[in-house]
Amino acid sequence: MDYVKPDQVMHDMIEAGAAKARLKTSQMLIRGILSGAILACATTLAFTASTQTNIPMAGALLFPVGFVIIVVLGLELVTGSFALLPLTVLQKKGWLWNQIPVLIGSFIGGSVFTGAMLYFAQYGFGKRRGVARMATGYSGRGIMEATAVSVEIRR
């Protein structure tokens, strides 16, 4: 049976944190932006799957796909930086400031994806009027107004 001693796990975590601390600020920022956008996309996919199928387990099964993509692409998830970099700082092998570009990048990536989703839900990709037209058949109305009308029609 395989067994890794706790000392070895701690050593590996410190070395992983030191490797993150050696990355350039621009690399940390870009990796944070991409991971924030992928995580926002995975969240949107999970909520969409849960609401459209009325099976919450569908969203629960799809959400981890975003984490897998982030790990496979070698991106920087802000929670990973929060976990590994303090250990590295305690061993004096890195700086705590290296968390900030990842935090800012994750915020930027998630915000840009969310803004794009809201824009395309409101205005669509051209002549069609986005989700409002697809869901309710009302064209020329905003998503909030069309949703309100849709709720009134169902009553």
Foldseek 3Di string as FASTA:
>chain_A
DDDDDPVVVLVVLLVVLLVLQPDDLVLLLQLLLVLLQLLLVLQVVLVVLCVVVVPNVSSVVRNCVSVVVSVVVVGDALVSNVPRNVSNVVVVSHDNCSSVSNVVSSVNNNVVNVVVVQVCCFQNDPPAGHPLCVPQVDPPDGPVVSVVVVVVVVD
